[in-house]
Amino acid sequence: MSQYQIRSSVTTDVTVDEVEAKYHPAYEFRGGDFSASVRIRFGILGSSSVTLSIADARTLAEQLPAILAEHDTLTVSVPVSLVKAA
């Protein structure tokens, strides 16, 4: 029986309107074992997604709080306008 390790991958082809994350448990298919993963889908009608190994998903989960805190700090202290002045 073969064993397959899910590796992180990225595909894109839509503008992001929505984000959804879903856990996919390990499974066996046609004699091969596939490791668990987390799939993050973007958009409503498109097929953009990121599939992360569990190790990479954990790394991302550990880093996100600090990234979001940095954003929150910058947003409060330095408001940025994306509207071009006339």
PDB file of N, CA and C in Angstrom:
ATOM      1  N   MET A   1       0.846  -1.179   0.000  1.00  0.00           N
ATOM      2  CA  MET A   1       0.000   0.000   0.000  1.00  0.00           C
ATOM      3  C   MET A   1       0.894   1.246   0.000  1.00  0.00           C
ATOM      4  N   SER A   2       0.601   2.199  -0.868  1.00  0.00           N
ATOM      5  CA  SER A   2       1.353   3.444  -0.936  1.00  0.00           C
ATOM      6  C   SER A   2       0.846   4.435   0.093  1.00  0.00           C
ATOM      7  N   GLN A   3       1.708   5.335   0.494  1.00  0.00           N
ATOM      8  CA  GLN A   3       1.307   6.398   1.409  1.00  0.00           C
ATOM      9  C   GLN A   3       1.628   7.732   0.753  1.00  0.00           C
ATOM     10  N   TYR A   4       0.641   8.640   0.721  1.00  0.00           N
ATOM     11  CA  TYR A   4       0.811   9.940   0.096  1.00  0.00           C
ATOM     12  C   TYR A   4       0.691  11.027   1.143  1.00  0.00           C
ATOM     13  N   GLN A   5       1.622  11.945   1.128  1.00  0.00           N
ATOM     14  CA  GLN A   5       1.610  13.080   2.055  1.00  0.00           C
ATOM     15  C   GLN A   5       1.019  14.267   1.320  1.00  0.00           C
ATOM     16  N   ILE A   6      -0.064  14.830   1.852  1.00  0.00           N
ATOM     17  CA  ILE A   6      -0.642  16.029   1.260  1.00  0.00           C
ATOM     18  C   ILE A   6       0.341  17.167   1.493  1.00  0.00           C
ATOM     19  N   ARG A   7       0.732  17.841   0.422  1.00  0.00           N
ATOM     20  CA  ARG A   7       1.625  18.986   0.531  1.00  0.00           C
ATOM     21  C   ARG A   7       0.818  20.252   0.281  1.00  0.00           C
ATOM     22  N   SER A   8       1.291  21.356   0.797  1.00  0.00           N
ATOM     23  CA  SER A   8       0.605  22.626   0.608  1.00  0.00           C
ATOM     24  C   SER A   8       0.677  23.015  -0.862  1.00  0.00           C
ATOM     25  N   SER A   9      -0.441  23.540  -1.364  1.00  0.00           N
ATOM     26  CA  SER A   9      -0.486  23.984  -2.752  1.00  0.00           C
ATOM     27  C   SER A   9      -1.413  25.176  -2.865  1.00  0.00           C
ATOM     28  N   VAL A  10      -1.254  25.960  -3.923  1.00  0.00           N
ATOM     29  CA  VAL A  10      -2.073  27.142  -4.124  1.00  0.00           C
ATOM     30  C   VAL A  10      -2.569  27.160  -5.566  1.00  0.00           C
ATOM     31  N   THR A  11      -3.869  27.448  -5.733  1.00  0.00           N
ATOM     32  CA  THR A  11      -4.414  27.684  -7.066  1.00  0.00           C
ATOM     33  C   THR A  11      -5.264  28.938  -6.998  1.00  0.00           C
ATOM     34  N   THR A  12      -5.256  29.764  -8.043  1.00  0.00           N
ATOM     35  CA  THR A  12      -6.062  30.980  -8.036  1.00  0.00           C
ATOM     36  C   THR A  12      -6.632  31.257  -9.411  1.00  0.00           C
ATOM     37  N   ASP A  13      -7.882  31.762  -9.431  1.00  0.00           N
ATOM     38  CA  ASP A  13      -8.458  32.230 -10.680  1.00  0.00           C
ATOM     39  C   ASP A  13      -9.732  33.049 -10.496  1.00  0.00           C
ATOM     40  N   VAL A  14      -9.975  33.563  -9.282  1.00  0.00           N
ATOM     41  CA  VAL A  14     -11.151  34.394  -9.044  1.00  0.00           C
ATOM     42  C   VAL A  14     -10.841  35.535  -8.091  1.00  0.00           C
ATOM     43  N   THR A  15     -11.721  36.535  -8.097  1.00  0.00           N
ATOM     44  CA  THR A  15     -11.662  37.599  -7.109  1.00  0.00           C
ATOM     45  C   THR A  15     -12.294  37.051  -5.838  1.00  0.00           C
ATOM     46  N   VAL A  16     -11.693  37.326  -4.696  1.00  0.00           N
ATOM     47  CA  VAL A  16     -12.184  36.776  -3.433  1.00  0.00           C
ATOM     48  C   VAL A  16     -13.420  37.539  -2.955  1.00  0.00           C
ATOM     49  N   ASP A  17     -14.520  36.824  -2.821  1.00  0.00           N
ATOM     50  CA  ASP A  17     -15.754  37.370  -2.271  1.00  0.00           C
ATOM     51  C   ASP A  17     -16.082  36.723  -0.936  1.00  0.00           C
ATOM     52  N   GLU A  18     -15.525  35.564  -0.711  1.00  0.00           N
ATOM     53  CA  GLU A  18     -15.867  34.767   0.466  1.00  0.00           C
ATOM     54  C   GLU A  18     -14.696  33.843   0.777  1.00  0.00           C
ATOM     55  N   VAL A  19     -14.498  33.526   2.051  1.00  0.00           N
ATOM     56  CA  VAL A  19     -13.435  32.610   2.455  1.00  0.00           C
ATOM     57  C   VAL A  19     -14.044  31.522   3.329  1.00  0.00           C
ATOM     58  N   GLU A  20     -13.656  30.273   3.056  1.00  0.00           N
ATOM     59  CA  GLU A  20     -14.176  29.141   3.826  1.00  0.00           C
ATOM     60  C   GLU A  20     -13.030  28.159   4.071  1.00  0.00           C
ATOM     61  N   ALA A  21     -12.896  27.689   5.292  1.00  0.00           N
ATOM     62  CA  ALA A  21     -11.878  26.695   5.621  1.00  0.00           C
ATOM     63  C   ALA A  21     -12.570  25.402   6.038  1.00  0.00           C
ATOM     64  N   LYS A  22     -12.021  24.276   5.577  1.00  0.00           N
ATOM     65  CA  LYS A  22     -12.619  22.976   5.901  1.00  0.00           C
ATOM     66  C   LYS A  22     -11.518  21.947   6.163  1.00  0.00           C
ATOM     67  N   TYR A  23     -11.707  21.169   7.208  1.00  0.00           N
ATOM     68  CA  TYR A  23     -10.786  20.090   7.566  1.00  0.00           C
ATOM     69  C   TYR A  23     -11.115  18.850   6.735  1.00  0.00           C
ATOM     70  N   HIS A  24     -10.083  18.220   6.214  1.00  0.00           N
ATOM     71  CA  HIS A  24     -10.249  16.963   5.489  1.00  0.00           C
ATOM     72  C   HIS A  24      -9.428  15.904   6.214  1.00  0.00           C
ATOM     73  N   PRO A  25     -10.093  14.933   6.838  1.00  0.00           N
ATOM     74  CA  PRO A  25      -9.345  13.899   7.570  1.00  0.00           C
ATOM     75  C   PRO A  25      -8.538  13.008   6.619  1.00  0.00           C
ATOM     76  N   ALA A  26      -7.583  12.302   7.175  1.00  0.00           N
ATOM     77  CA  ALA A  26      -6.799  11.349   6.399  1.00  0.00           C
ATOM     78  C   ALA A  26      -7.741  10.303   5.802  1.00  0.00           C
ATOM     79  N   TYR A  27      -7.354   9.768   4.647  1.00  0.00           N
ATOM     80  CA  TYR A  27      -8.200   8.772   3.994  1.00  0.00           C
ATOM     81  C   TYR A  27      -7.354   7.846   3.125  1.00  0.00           C
ATOM     82  N   GLU A  28      -7.980   6.737   2.760  1.00  0.00           N
ATOM     83  CA  GLU A  28      -7.348   5.765   1.875  1.00  0.00           C
ATOM     84  C   GLU A  28      -8.117   5.765   0.565  1.00  0.00           C
ATOM     85  N   PHE A  29      -7.385   5.733  -0.552  1.00  0.00           N
ATOM     86  CA  PHE A  29      -8.027   5.717  -1.857  1.00  0.00           C
ATOM     87  C   PHE A  29      -7.173   4.918  -2.825  1.00  0.00           C
ATOM     88  N   ARG A  30      -7.751   3.921  -3.421  1.00  0.00           N
ATOM     89  CA  ARG A  30      -7.072   3.079  -4.416  1.00  0.00           C
ATOM     90  C   ARG A  30      -5.709   2.582  -3.935  1.00  0.00           C
ATOM     91  N   GLY A  31      -5.687   2.091  -2.722  1.00  0.00           N
ATOM     92  CA  GLY A  31      -4.465   1.524  -2.174  1.00  0.00           C
ATOM     93  C   GLY A  31      -3.465   2.524  -1.622  1.00  0.00           C
ATOM     94  N   GLY A  32      -3.813   3.799  -1.630  1.00  0.00           N
ATOM     95  CA  GLY A  32      -2.900   4.814  -1.102  1.00  0.00           C
ATOM     96  C   GLY A  32      -3.479   5.490   0.123  1.00  0.00           C
ATOM     97  N   ASP A  33      -2.619   5.870   1.047  1.00  0.00           N
ATOM     98  CA  ASP A  33      -3.036   6.589   2.247  1.00  0.00           C
ATOM     99  C   ASP A  33      -2.716   8.074   2.056  1.00  0.00           C
ATOM    100  N   PHE A  34      -3.714   8.919   2.254  1.00  0.00           N
ATOM    101  CA  PHE A  34      -3.552  10.361   2.112  1.00  0.00           C
ATOM    102  C   PHE A  34      -3.673  11.009   3.485  1.00  0.00           C
ATOM    103  N   SER A  35      -2.747  11.900   3.806  1.00  0.00           N
ATOM    104  CA  SER A  35      -2.736  12.534   5.116  1.00  0.00           C
ATOM    105  C   SER A  35      -3.847  13.582   5.218  1.00  0.00           C
ATOM    106  N   ALA A  36      -4.174  13.951   6.442  1.00  0.00           N
ATOM    107  CA  ALA A  36      -5.185  14.977   6.697  1.00  0.00           C
ATOM    108  C   ALA A  36      -4.697  16.321   6.184  1.00  0.00           C
ATOM    109  N   SER A  37      -5.649  17.205   5.887  1.00  0.00           N
ATOM    110  CA  SER A  37      -5.290  18.526   5.381  1.00  0.00           C
ATOM    111  C   SER A  37      -6.382  19.531   5.711  1.00  0.00           C
ATOM    112  N   VAL A  38      -6.084  20.794   5.454  1.00  0.00           N
ATOM    113  CA  VAL A  38      -7.053  21.874   5.607  1.00  0.00           C
ATOM    114  C   VAL A  38      -7.143  22.565   4.253  1.00  0.00           C
ATOM    115  N   ARG A  39      -8.360  22.685   3.732  1.00  0.00           N
ATOM    116  CA  ARG A  39      -8.553  23.373   2.446  1.00  0.00           C
ATOM    117  C   ARG A  39      -9.236  24.704   2.704  1.00  0.00           C
ATOM    118  N   ILE A  40      -8.647  25.761   2.167  1.00  0.00           N
ATOM    119  CA  ILE A  40      -9.217  27.101   2.281  1.00  0.00           C
ATOM    120  C   ILE A  40      -9.672  27.502   0.886  1.00  0.00           C
ATOM    121  N   ARG A  41     -10.978  27.739   0.745  1.00  0.00           N
ATOM    122  CA  ARG A  41     -11.552  28.101  -0.557  1.00  0.00           C
ATOM    123  C   ARG A  41     -11.877  29.582  -0.572  1.00  0.00           C
ATOM    124  N   PHE A  42     -11.671  30.198  -1.723  1.00  0.00           N
ATOM    125  CA  PHE A  42     -11.927  31.615  -1.914  1.00  0.00           C
ATOM    126  C   PHE A  42     -12.952  31.799  -3.030  1.00  0.00           C
ATOM    127  N   GLY A  43     -13.813  32.805  -2.868  1.00  0.00           N
ATOM    128  CA  GLY A  43     -14.777  33.123  -3.913  1.00  0.00           C
ATOM    129  C   GLY A  43     -16.057  32.339  -3.760  1.00  0.00           C
ATOM    130  N   ILE A  44     -17.040  32.739  -4.525  1.00  0.00           N
ATOM    131  CA  ILE A  44     -18.337  32.067  -4.492  1.00  0.00           C
ATOM    132  C   ILE A  44     -18.479  31.141  -5.689  1.00  0.00           C
ATOM    133  N   LEU A  45     -18.160  31.626  -6.868  1.00  0.00           N
ATOM    134  CA  LEU A  45     -18.348  30.841  -8.084  1.00  0.00           C
ATOM    135  C   LEU A  45     -17.046  30.289  -8.648  1.00  0.00           C
ATOM    136  N   GLY A  46     -15.929  30.651  -8.073  1.00  0.00           N
ATOM    137  CA  GLY A  46     -14.644  30.234  -8.612  1.00  0.00           C
ATOM    138  C   GLY A  46     -14.100  29.004  -7.935  1.00  0.00           C
ATOM    139  N   SER A  47     -12.913  28.631  -8.353  1.00  0.00           N
ATOM    140  CA  SER A  47     -12.312  27.422  -7.815  1.00  0.00           C
ATOM    141  C   SER A  47     -10.953  27.680  -7.171  1.00  0.00           C
ATOM    142  N   SER A  48     -10.734  28.883  -6.682  1.00  0.00           N
ATOM    143  CA  SER A  48      -9.462  29.179  -6.032  1.00  0.00           C
ATOM    144  C   SER A  48      -9.423  28.546  -4.651  1.00  0.00           C
ATOM    145  N   SER A  49      -8.288  27.940  -4.340  1.00  0.00           N
ATOM    146  CA  SER A  49      -8.160  27.317  -3.032  1.00  0.00           C
ATOM    147  C   SER A  49      -6.708  27.177  -2.652  1.00  0.00           C
ATOM    148  N   VAL A  50      -6.503  26.977  -1.358  1.00  0.00           N
ATOM    149  CA  VAL A  50      -5.195  26.644  -0.800  1.00  0.00           C
ATOM    150  C   VAL A  50      -5.408  25.393   0.029  1.00  0.00           C
ATOM    151  N   THR A  51      -4.630  24.364  -0.224  1.00  0.00           N
ATOM    152  CA  THR A  51      -4.689  23.157   0.586  1.00  0.00           C
ATOM    153  C   THR A  51      -3.414  23.108   1.407  1.00  0.00           C
ATOM    154  N   LEU A  52      -3.577  23.066   2.725  1.00  0.00           N
ATOM    155  CA  LEU A  52      -2.436  23.068   3.635  1.00  0.00           C
ATOM    156  C   LEU A  52      -2.301  21.731   4.337  1.00  0.00           C
ATOM    157  N   SER A  53      -1.067  21.277   4.483  1.00  0.00           N
ATOM    158  CA  SER A  53      -0.830  20.130   5.354  1.00  0.00           C
ATOM    159  C   SER A  53      -1.214  20.555   6.768  1.00  0.00           C
ATOM    160  N   ILE A  54      -1.426  19.611   7.642  1.00  0.00           N
ATOM    161  CA  ILE A  54      -1.775  19.944   9.026  1.00  0.00           C
ATOM    162  C   ILE A  54      -0.639  20.744   9.673  1.00  0.00           C
ATOM    163  N   ALA A  55       0.611  20.385   9.382  1.00  0.00           N
ATOM    164  CA  ALA A  55       1.753  21.122   9.942  1.00  0.00           C
ATOM    165  C   ALA A  55       1.739  22.576   9.465  1.00  0.00           C
ATOM    166  N   ASP A  56       1.494  22.797   8.177  1.00  0.00           N
ATOM    167  CA  ASP A  56       1.450  24.163   7.663  1.00  0.00           C
ATOM    168  C   ASP A  56       0.247  24.927   8.201  1.00  0.00           C
ATOM    169  N   ALA A  57      -0.885  24.255   8.361  1.00  0.00           N
ATOM    170  CA  ALA A  57      -2.072  24.903   8.936  1.00  0.00           C
ATOM    171  C   ALA A  57      -1.797  25.336  10.374  1.00  0.00           C
ATOM    172  N   ARG A  58      -1.095  24.493  11.131  1.00  0.00           N
ATOM    173  CA  ARG A  58      -0.732  24.861  12.508  1.00  0.00           C
ATOM    174  C   ARG A  58       0.217  26.062  12.518  1.00  0.00           C
ATOM    175  N   THR A  59       1.186  26.074  11.608  1.00  0.00           N
ATOM    176  CA  THR A  59       2.119  27.201  11.512  1.00  0.00           C
ATOM    177  C   THR A  59       1.365  28.486  11.201  1.00  0.00           C
ATOM    178  N   LEU A  60       0.449  28.424  10.252  1.00  0.00           N
ATOM    179  CA  LEU A  60      -0.365  29.593   9.908  1.00  0.00           C
ATOM    180  C   LEU A  60      -1.204  30.034  11.097  1.00  0.00           C
ATOM    181  N   ALA A  61      -1.827  29.087  11.782  1.00  0.00           N
ATOM    182  CA  ALA A  61      -2.658  29.408  12.947  1.00  0.00           C
ATOM    183  C   ALA A  61      -1.832  30.084  14.047  1.00  0.00           C
ATOM    184  N   GLU A  62      -0.583  29.667  14.207  1.00  0.00           N
ATOM    185  CA  GLU A  62       0.287  30.284  15.206  1.00  0.00           C
ATOM    186  C   GLU A  62       0.674  31.712  14.811  1.00  0.00           C
ATOM    187  N   GLN A  63       0.829  31.974  13.519  1.00  0.00           N
ATOM    188  CA  GLN A  63       1.280  33.277  13.043  1.00  0.00           C
ATOM    189  C   GLN A  63       0.147  34.290  12.884  1.00  0.00           C
ATOM    190  N   LEU A  64      -1.057  33.842  12.610  1.00  0.00           N
ATOM    191  CA  LEU A  64      -2.163  34.765  12.342  1.00  0.00           C
ATOM    192  C   LEU A  64      -2.474  35.731  13.487  1.00  0.00           C
ATOM    193  N   PRO A  65      -2.515  35.320  14.754  1.00  0.00           N
ATOM    194  CA  PRO A  65      -2.819  36.287  15.811  1.00  0.00           C
ATOM    195  C   PRO A  65      -1.857  37.486  15.822  1.00  0.00           C
ATOM    196  N   ALA A  66      -0.573  37.248  15.637  1.00  0.00           N
ATOM    197  CA  ALA A  66       0.395  38.342  15.626  1.00  0.00           C
ATOM    198  C   ALA A  66       0.212  39.230  14.400  1.00  0.00           C
ATOM    199  N   ILE A  67      -0.082  38.626  13.256  1.00  0.00           N
ATOM    200  CA  ILE A  67      -0.311  39.394  12.028  1.00  0.00           C
ATOM    201  C   ILE A  67      -1.542  40.275  12.177  1.00  0.00           C
ATOM    202  N   LEU A  68      -2.621  39.716  12.715  1.00  0.00           N
ATOM    203  CA  LEU A  68      -3.851  40.487  12.916  1.00  0.00           C
ATOM    204  C   LEU A  68      -3.656  41.578  13.964  1.00  0.00           C
ATOM    205  N   ALA A  69      -2.894  41.283  15.013  1.00  0.00           N
ATOM    206  CA  ALA A  69      -2.611  42.300  16.031  1.00  0.00           C
ATOM    207  C   ALA A  69      -1.795  43.440  15.424  1.00  0.00           C
ATOM    208  N   GLU A  70      -0.852  43.115  14.556  1.00  0.00           N
ATOM    209  CA  GLU A  70      -0.064  44.149  13.876  1.00  0.00           C
ATOM    210  C   GLU A  70      -0.982  45.026  13.020  1.00  0.00           C
ATOM    211  N   HIS A  71      -1.891  44.395  12.304  1.00  0.00           N
ATOM    212  CA  HIS A  71      -2.851  45.149  11.484  1.00  0.00           C
ATOM    213  C   HIS A  71      -3.702  46.058  12.360  1.00  0.00           C
ATOM    214  N   ASP A  72      -4.220  45.500  13.455  1.00  0.00           N
ATOM    215  CA  ASP A  72      -5.074  46.288  14.349  1.00  0.00           C
ATOM    216  C   ASP A  72      -4.319  47.479  14.926  1.00  0.00           C
ATOM    217  N   THR A  73      -3.065  47.285  15.289  1.00  0.00           N
ATOM    218  CA  THR A  73      -2.246  48.368  15.826  1.00  0.00           C
ATOM    219  C   THR A  73      -2.025  49.457  14.786  1.00  0.00           C
ATOM    220  N   LEU A  74      -1.701  49.066  13.560  1.00  0.00           N
ATOM    221  CA  LEU A  74      -1.467  50.034  12.490  1.00  0.00           C
ATOM    222  C   LEU A  74      -2.749  50.758  12.101  1.00  0.00           C
ATOM    223  N   THR A  75      -3.858  50.055  12.107  1.00  0.00           N
ATOM    224  CA  THR A  75      -5.134  50.656  11.734  1.00  0.00           C
ATOM    225  C   THR A  75      -5.534  51.729  12.735  1.00  0.00           C
ATOM    226  N   VAL A  76      -5.277  51.483  14.009  1.00  0.00           N
ATOM    227  CA  VAL A  76      -5.639  52.451  15.050  1.00  0.00           C
ATOM    228  C   VAL A  76      -4.683  53.630  15.034  1.00  0.00           C
ATOM    229  N   SER A  77      -3.373  53.393  14.888  1.00  0.00           N
ATOM    230  CA  SER A  77      -2.402  54.477  14.998  1.00  0.00           C
ATOM    231  C   SER A  77      -2.149  55.228  13.696  1.00  0.00           C
ATOM    232  N   VAL A  78      -2.322  54.586  12.551  1.00  0.00           N
ATOM    233  CA  VAL A  78      -2.040  55.233  11.278  1.00  0.00           C
ATOM    234  C   VAL A  78      -3.180  54.934  10.298  1.00  0.00           C
ATOM    235  N   PRO A  79      -4.251  55.737  10.346  1.00  0.00           N
ATOM    236  CA  PRO A  79      -5.345  55.477   9.402  1.00  0.00           C
ATOM    237  C   PRO A  79      -4.854  55.711   7.968  1.00  0.00           C
ATOM    238  N   VAL A  80      -5.200  54.784   7.091  1.00  0.00           N
ATOM    239  CA  VAL A  80      -4.777  54.867   5.700  1.00  0.00           C
ATOM    240  C   VAL A  80      -6.026  55.000   4.830  1.00  0.00           C
ATOM    241  N   SER A  81      -6.001  55.984   3.939  1.00  0.00           N
ATOM    242  CA  SER A  81      -7.117  56.168   3.014  1.00  0.00           C
ATOM    243  C   SER A  81      -6.732  55.606   1.653  1.00  0.00           C
ATOM    244  N   LEU A  82      -7.608  54.771   1.103  1.00  0.00           N
ATOM    245  CA  LEU A  82      -7.374  54.227  -0.211  1.00  0.00           C
ATOM    246  C   LEU A  82      -8.054  55.060  -1.289  1.00  0.00           C
ATOM    247  N   VAL A  83      -8.726  56.118  -0.878  1.00  0.00           N
ATOM    248  CA  VAL A  83      -9.422  57.002  -1.822  1.00  0.00           C
ATOM    249  C   VAL A  83      -8.444  58.079  -2.269  1.00  0.00           C
ATOM    250  N   LYS A  84      -8.273  58.209  -3.581  1.00  0.00           N
ATOM    251  CA  LYS A  84      -7.347  59.210  -4.134  1.00  0.00           C
ATOM    252  C   LYS A  84      -7.920  60.611  -3.964  1.00  0.00           C
ATOM    253  N   ALA A  85      -7.099  61.512  -3.470  1.00  0.00           N
ATOM    254  CA  ALA A  85      -7.537  62.897  -3.274  1.00  0.00           C
ATOM    255  C   ALA A  85      -7.817  63.554  -4.616  1.00  0.00           C
ATOM    256  N   ALA A  86      -8.870  64.365  -4.677  1.00  0.00           N
ATOM    257  CA  ALA A  86      -9.234  65.021  -5.950  1.00  0.00           C
ATOM    258  C   ALA A  86      -8.310  66.153  -6.275  1.00  0.00           C
TER     259      ALA A  86
END
